[in-house]
C-alpha atoms as a PDB file:
ATOM      1  CA  MET A   1      43.425 128.062  75.217  1.00  0.00           C
ATOM      2  CA  GLU A   2      43.372 129.700  78.632  1.00  0.00           C
ATOM      3  CA  SER A   3      40.444 131.958  77.597  1.00  0.00           C
ATOM      4  CA  LYS A   4      38.268 128.916  76.835  1.00  0.00           C
ATOM      5  CA  LEU A   5      38.326 127.663  80.430  1.00  0.00           C
ATOM      6  CA  ARG A   6      35.805 128.981  82.943  1.00  0.00           C
ATOM      7  CA  PRO A   7      37.103 130.059  86.364  1.00  0.00           C
ATOM      8  CA  GLY A   8      36.706 127.406  89.054  1.00  0.00           C
ATOM      9  CA  LYS A   9      36.659 124.492  86.630  1.00  0.00           C
ATOM     10  CA  ALA A  10      38.379 121.404  88.057  1.00  0.00           C
ATOM     11  CA  PRO A  11      41.695 120.346  86.537  1.00  0.00           C
ATOM     12  CA  LEU A  12      41.407 118.019  83.613  1.00  0.00           C
ATOM     13  CA  PRO A  13      42.415 114.383  84.191  1.00  0.00           C
ATOM     14  CA  ARG A  14      45.473 112.858  82.618  1.00  0.00           C
ATOM     15  CA  THR A  15      45.116 112.337  78.936  1.00  0.00           C
ATOM     16  CA  SER A  16      46.918 110.282  76.394  1.00  0.00           C
ATOM     17  CA  GLY A  17      48.389 113.498  75.055  1.00  0.00           C
ATOM     18  CA  ALA A  18      50.258 114.207  78.287  1.00  0.00           C
ATOM     19  CA  PRO A  19      53.752 112.860  78.709  1.00  0.00           C
ATOM     20  CA  CYS A  20      54.253 109.981  81.137  1.00  0.00           C
ATOM     21  CA  GLY A  21      53.802 111.356  84.623  1.00  0.00           C
ATOM     22  CA  GLY A  22      52.279 114.627  83.333  1.00  0.00           C
ATOM     23  CA  ARG A  23      48.942 116.278  84.083  1.00  0.00           C
ATOM     24  CA  VAL A  24      47.034 118.861  82.051  1.00  0.00           C
ATOM     25  CA  SER A  25      46.432 121.940  84.194  1.00  0.00           C
ATOM     26  CA  ARG A  26      43.664 124.574  84.087  1.00  0.00           C
ATOM     27  CA  THR A  27      45.833 126.624  81.802  1.00  0.00           C
ATOM     28  CA  GLY A  28      46.039 123.775  79.344  1.00  0.00           C
ATOM     29  CA  LEU A  29      49.785 123.487  79.869  1.00  0.00           C
ATOM     30  CA  VAL A  30      51.327 120.142  80.687  1.00  0.00           C
ATOM     31  CA  ARG A  31      53.049 120.003  84.046  1.00  0.00           C
ATOM     32  CA  VAL A  32      55.502 117.087  84.278  1.00  0.00           C
ATOM     33  CA  ILE A  33      55.543 115.390  87.672  1.00  0.00           C
ATOM     34  CA  PRO A  34      58.936 113.798  88.419  1.00  0.00           C
ATOM     35  CA  GLN A  35      58.723 110.033  88.765  1.00  0.00           C
ATOM     36  CA  PRO A  36      61.073 107.767  90.752  1.00  0.00           C
ATOM     37  CA  ALA A  37      63.691 105.887  88.742  1.00  0.00           C
ATOM     38  CA  TRP A  38      62.590 102.311  89.385  1.00  0.00           C
ATOM     39  CA  ARG A  39      65.118  99.534  89.007  1.00  0.00           C
ATOM     40  CA  PHE A  40      63.716  96.280  87.784  1.00  0.00           C
ATOM     41  CA  SER A  41      65.913  93.412  88.877  1.00  0.00           C
ATOM     42  CA  ASN A  42      65.736  90.108  90.669  1.00  0.00           C
ATOM     43  CA  PRO A  43      66.459  90.770  94.354  1.00  0.00           C
ATOM     44  CA  VAL A  44      68.280  87.429  94.634  1.00  0.00           C
ATOM     45  CA  SER A  45      70.993  88.742  92.301  1.00  0.00           C
ATOM     46  CA  HIS A  46      71.929  91.372  94.913  1.00  0.00           C
ATOM     47  CA  MET A  47      72.321  88.830  97.708  1.00  0.00           C
ATOM     48  CA  THR A  48      75.700  87.453  98.656  1.00  0.00           C
ATOM     49  CA  PHE A  49      76.101  83.768  97.884  1.00  0.00           C
ATOM     50  CA  THR A  50      76.947  82.350 101.319  1.00  0.00           C
ATOM     51  CA  LEU A  51      77.676  78.931 102.776  1.00  0.00           C
ATOM     52  CA  THR A  52      77.289  78.379 106.535  1.00  0.00           C
ATOM     53  CA  SER A  53      77.037  75.606 109.109  1.00  0.00           C
ATOM     54  CA  PRO A  54      75.156  75.565 112.422  1.00  0.00           C
ATOM     55  CA  ALA A  55      77.961  73.338 113.753  1.00  0.00           C
ATOM     56  CA  PHE A  56      80.790  75.895 113.530  1.00  0.00           C
ATOM     57  CA  ARG A  57      81.415  79.455 112.407  1.00  0.00           C
ATOM     58  CA  ASN A  58      83.612  80.446 109.489  1.00  0.00           C
ATOM     59  CA  GLU A  59      87.300  80.073 110.476  1.00  0.00           C
ATOM     60  CA  GLY A  60      86.184  78.329 113.675  1.00  0.00           C
ATOM     61  CA  ASN A  61      87.019  74.832 114.901  1.00  0.00           C
ATOM     62  CA  VAL A  62      85.304  71.845 113.308  1.00  0.00           C
ATOM     63  CA  PRO A  63      83.691  69.730 116.080  1.00  0.00           C
ATOM     64  CA  VAL A  64      85.317  66.326 116.641  1.00  0.00           C
ATOM     65  CA  THR A  65      82.175  64.419 115.635  1.00  0.00           C
ATOM     66  CA  PHE A  66      82.697  65.473 112.003  1.00  0.00           C
ATOM     67  CA  THR A  67      86.337  64.299 111.909  1.00  0.00           C
ATOM     68  CA  CYS A  68      88.191  60.986 111.722  1.00  0.00           C
ATOM     69  CA  ASP A  69      88.450  61.102 115.529  1.00  0.00           C
ATOM     70  CA  GLY A  70      84.663  61.179 115.861  1.00  0.00           C
ATOM     71  CA  ASN A  71      81.778  59.835 113.767  1.00  0.00           C
ATOM     72  CA  ASP A  72      83.404  60.923 110.487  1.00  0.00           C
ATOM     73  CA  VAL A  73      80.114  62.284 109.116  1.00  0.00           C
ATOM     74  CA  PRO A  74      79.730  65.549 107.189  1.00  0.00           C
ATOM     75  CA  PRO A  75      78.650  68.626 109.135  1.00  0.00           C
ATOM     76  CA  PRO A  76      75.273  70.161 108.293  1.00  0.00           C
ATOM     77  CA  LEU A  77      75.619  72.899 105.681  1.00  0.00           C
ATOM     78  CA  SER A  78      73.192  75.484 104.332  1.00  0.00           C
ATOM     79  CA  TRP A  79      73.391  78.252 101.766  1.00  0.00           C
ATOM     80  CA  SER A  80      71.510  81.191 100.317  1.00  0.00           C
ATOM     81  CA  GLY A  81      71.858  83.914  97.704  1.00  0.00           C
ATOM     82  CA  GLN A  82      72.734  81.569  94.847  1.00  0.00           C
ATOM     83  CA  PRO A  83      73.060  83.351  91.469  1.00  0.00           C
ATOM     84  CA  VAL A  84      70.073  83.646  89.152  1.00  0.00           C
ATOM     85  CA  GLY A  85      70.148  80.804  86.625  1.00  0.00           C
ATOM     86  CA  THR A  86      71.591  78.207  89.013  1.00  0.00           C
ATOM     87  CA  ARG A  87      70.531  74.745  87.884  1.00  0.00           C
ATOM     88  CA  SER A  88      72.699  72.564  90.140  1.00  0.00           C
ATOM     89  CA  PHE A  89      75.473  72.675  92.744  1.00  0.00           C
ATOM     90  CA  ALA A  90      78.792  70.935  93.309  1.00  0.00           C
ATOM     91  CA  LEU A  91      80.822  70.815  96.518  1.00  0.00           C
ATOM     92  CA  ILE A  92      84.510  70.253  97.208  1.00  0.00           C
ATOM     93  CA  LEU A  93      86.071  69.896 100.669  1.00  0.00           C
ATOM     94  CA  ASP A  94      89.843  70.050 100.816  1.00  0.00           C
ATOM     95  CA  ASP A  95      92.831  70.619 103.083  1.00  0.00           C
ATOM     96  CA  PRO A  96      95.554  72.794 101.485  1.00  0.00           C
ATOM     97  CA  ASP A  97      97.811  72.344 104.538  1.00  0.00           C
ATOM     98  CA  ALA A  98      98.365  68.596 104.104  1.00  0.00           C
ATOM     99  CA  PRO A  99     102.093  67.646 104.065  1.00  0.00           C
ATOM    100  CA  GLY A 100     101.885  66.089 100.616  1.00  0.00           C
ATOM    101  CA  GLY A 101      99.889  68.922  99.039  1.00  0.00           C
ATOM    102  CA  THR A 102      96.168  69.617  98.866  1.00  0.00           C
ATOM    103  CA  PHE A 103      94.167  66.675 100.205  1.00  0.00           C
ATOM    104  CA  THR A 104      90.596  66.258  98.945  1.00  0.00           C
ATOM    105  CA  HIS A 105      88.078  65.069 101.549  1.00  0.00           C
ATOM    106  CA  TRP A 106      84.752  65.276  99.720  1.00  0.00           C
ATOM    107  CA  LEU A 107      83.543  65.604  96.125  1.00  0.00           C
ATOM    108  CA  LEU A 108      79.840  66.004  95.505  1.00  0.00           C
ATOM    109  CA  HIS A 109      78.023  67.105  92.341  1.00  0.00           C
ATOM    110  CA  ASP A 110      74.611  67.186  90.636  1.00  0.00           C
ATOM    111  CA  ILE A 111      72.964  68.606  93.772  1.00  0.00           C
ATOM    112  CA  THR A 112      69.511  69.812  92.711  1.00  0.00           C
ATOM    113  CA  PRO A 113      68.884  73.594  92.503  1.00  0.00           C
ATOM    114  CA  GLU A 114      66.051  73.377  95.057  1.00  0.00           C
ATOM    115  CA  THR A 115      68.475  72.088  97.686  1.00  0.00           C
ATOM    116  CA  THR A 116      69.591  74.715 100.197  1.00  0.00           C
ATOM    117  CA  GLU A 117      71.088  72.481 102.875  1.00  0.00           C
ATOM    118  CA  LEU A 118      73.046  69.268 103.271  1.00  0.00           C
ATOM    119  CA  SER A 119      73.309  66.825 106.142  1.00  0.00           C
ATOM    120  CA  SER A 120      74.798  63.379 106.623  1.00  0.00           C
ATOM    121  CA  THR A 121      72.181  62.088 104.175  1.00  0.00           C
ATOM    122  CA  ALA A 122      73.261  64.464 101.437  1.00  0.00           C
ATOM    123  CA  ALA A 123      71.671  64.211  98.006  1.00  0.00           C
ATOM    124  CA  GLY A 124      73.975  64.257  95.016  1.00  0.00           C
ATOM    125  CA  LYS A 125      76.616  62.137  93.326  1.00  0.00           C
ATOM    126  CA  THR A 126      79.930  61.514  95.057  1.00  0.00           C
ATOM    127  CA  LEU A 127      83.384  60.834  93.694  1.00  0.00           C
ATOM    128  CA  ARG A 128      86.461  59.206  95.172  1.00  0.00           C
ATOM    129  CA  ASN A 129      88.353  61.385  97.651  1.00  0.00           C
ATOM    130  CA  SER A 130      92.048  61.345  98.536  1.00  0.00           C
ATOM    131  CA  PHE A 131      91.405  58.554 101.060  1.00  0.00           C
ATOM    132  CA  GLY A 132      90.598  56.395  98.038  1.00  0.00           C
ATOM    133  CA  ARG A 133      86.915  55.991  98.817  1.00  0.00           C
ATOM    134  CA  SER A 134      83.710  57.585  97.595  1.00  0.00           C
ATOM    135  CA  GLY A 135      81.901  60.026  99.832  1.00  0.00           C
ATOM    136  CA  TYR A 136      82.928  62.102 102.821  1.00  0.00           C
ATOM    137  CA  GLY A 137      86.181  61.761 104.717  1.00  0.00           C
ATOM    138  CA  GLY A 138      86.454  64.098 107.696  1.00  0.00           C
ATOM    139  CA  PRO A 139      89.389  66.260 108.776  1.00  0.00           C
ATOM    140  CA  CYS A 140      92.277  64.048 109.893  1.00  0.00           C
ATOM    141  CA  PRO A 141      95.582  65.959 109.989  1.00  0.00           C
ATOM    142  CA  PRO A 142      98.755  64.247 111.216  1.00  0.00           C
ATOM    143  CA  ARG A 143      99.094  64.341 114.983  1.00  0.00           C
ATOM    144  CA  GLY A 144     101.263  67.154 116.246  1.00  0.00           C
ATOM    145  CA  HIS A 145     101.186  68.880 112.872  1.00  0.00           C
ATOM    146  CA  GLY A 146      99.193  71.864 114.114  1.00  0.00           C
ATOM    147  CA  ALA A 147      95.776  73.051 112.977  1.00  0.00           C
ATOM    148  CA  HIS A 148      94.845  72.522 109.344  1.00  0.00           C
ATOM    149  CA  ARG A 149      92.345  74.573 107.353  1.00  0.00           C
ATOM    150  CA  TYR A 150      89.416  72.794 105.730  1.00  0.00           C
ATOM    151  CA  PHE A 151      87.654  74.596 102.899  1.00  0.00           C
ATOM    152  CA  PHE A 152      84.085  73.716 101.946  1.00  0.00           C
ATOM    153  CA  THR A 153      83.587  75.307  98.513  1.00  0.00           C
ATOM    154  CA  LEU A 154      80.134  75.291  96.937  1.00  0.00           C
ATOM    155  CA  TYR A 155      79.793  75.940  93.199  1.00  0.00           C
ATOM    156  CA  ALA A 156      76.580  77.207  91.582  1.00  0.00           C
ATOM    157  CA  LEU A 157      76.360  75.776  88.060  1.00  0.00           C
ATOM    158  CA  ASP A 158      74.292  76.671  85.014  1.00  0.00           C
ATOM    159  CA  VAL A 159      73.580  73.042  84.035  1.00  0.00           C
ATOM    160  CA  PRO A 160      71.249  70.522  85.745  1.00  0.00           C
ATOM    161  CA  SER A 161      73.842  67.763  85.468  1.00  0.00           C
ATOM    162  CA  LEU A 162      77.533  67.665  84.609  1.00  0.00           C
ATOM    163  CA  SER A 163      77.056  64.288  82.895  1.00  0.00           C
ATOM    164  CA  PHE A 164      80.685  63.214  82.876  1.00  0.00           C
ATOM    165  CA  ARG A 165      82.260  59.801  83.323  1.00  0.00           C
ATOM    166  CA  GLY A 166      85.316  60.834  85.304  1.00  0.00           C
ATOM    167  CA  LYS A 167      86.050  59.718  88.844  1.00  0.00           C
ATOM    168  CA  SER A 168      88.590  62.237  90.129  1.00  0.00           C
ATOM    169  CA  ARG A 169      88.662  65.826  91.326  1.00  0.00           C
ATOM    170  CA  GLN A 170      90.450  66.818  88.131  1.00  0.00           C
ATOM    171  CA  ASP A 171      87.623  65.287  86.098  1.00  0.00           C
ATOM    172  CA  LEU A 172      85.045  67.190  88.142  1.00  0.00           C
ATOM    173  CA  GLU A 173      86.868  70.508  87.816  1.00  0.00           C
ATOM    174  CA  LYS A 174      87.261  69.996  84.076  1.00  0.00           C
ATOM    175  CA  ALA A 175      83.529  69.258  83.724  1.00  0.00           C
ATOM    176  CA  MET A 176      82.665  72.423  85.668  1.00  0.00           C
ATOM    177  CA  GLN A 177      84.732  74.710  83.444  1.00  0.00           C
ATOM    178  CA  GLY A 178      82.538  77.306  81.767  1.00  0.00           C
ATOM    179  CA  HIS A 179      79.523  76.445  83.939  1.00  0.00           C
ATOM    180  CA  VAL A 180      80.332  78.148  87.271  1.00  0.00           C
ATOM    181  CA  LEU A 181      78.007  81.068  88.058  1.00  0.00           C
ATOM    182  CA  GLY A 182      79.361  81.703  91.542  1.00  0.00           C
ATOM    183  CA  THR A 183      81.116  80.168  94.539  1.00  0.00           C
ATOM    184  CA  ALA A 184      80.545  80.256  98.292  1.00  0.00           C
ATOM    185  CA  ARG A 185      83.116  79.136 100.833  1.00  0.00           C
ATOM    186  CA  LEU A 186      83.211  78.087 104.462  1.00  0.00           C
ATOM    187  CA  MET A 187      86.482  77.359 106.273  1.00  0.00           C
ATOM    188  CA  GLY A 188      86.935  75.365 109.459  1.00  0.00           C
ATOM    189  CA  ARG A 189      90.042  74.377 111.424  1.00  0.00           C
ATOM    190  CA  TYR A 190      90.965  71.139 113.095  1.00  0.00           C
ATOM    191  CA  GLU A 191      94.018  69.995 115.059  1.00  0.00           C
ATOM    192  CA  ARG A 192      94.683  66.538 116.464  1.00  0.00           C
ATOM    193  CA  ALA A 193      96.392  66.195 119.814  1.00  0.00           C
ATOM    194  CA  ARG A 194      99.763  64.447 119.977  1.00  0.00           C
END
């Protein structure tokens, strides 16, 4: 085939007979040009699912305004990096250092997947907390008991609604079983003076 080509003739363009990434040369031989190994994936799946607050850093002190000694309103929260396929969120705030065992301060579910932040006017459905009322109940450890840890745990779920009739934390956790795609956690501390 080499004898059929005239000297000085430009290289032939790629043809359907050349392997992917190859080019037919003047000699008629196929020269394979190495191609990068592209990875096709959703960039969100490589992000870390994180929960933060502009009011305090992780493991920092929760400001008084968000506690029973202040306005008793929830702190602003925001998140990013939720898993692919997330169709709703649920949130649990609890205190594992309470004298009588874990004390639940806030139960929220059916938060829409478009939501990436919460404030005192949070969207979602609330359940009764350990104070015996629906909605948010701020940190309120016994006086002189030292600093307690308060965990805000956000769950990314694969269903748009949990659609359950329960009213307790146990009911919520049971409804979430098999639907959790990922969790993000923020911890704050609070201590009441004697």
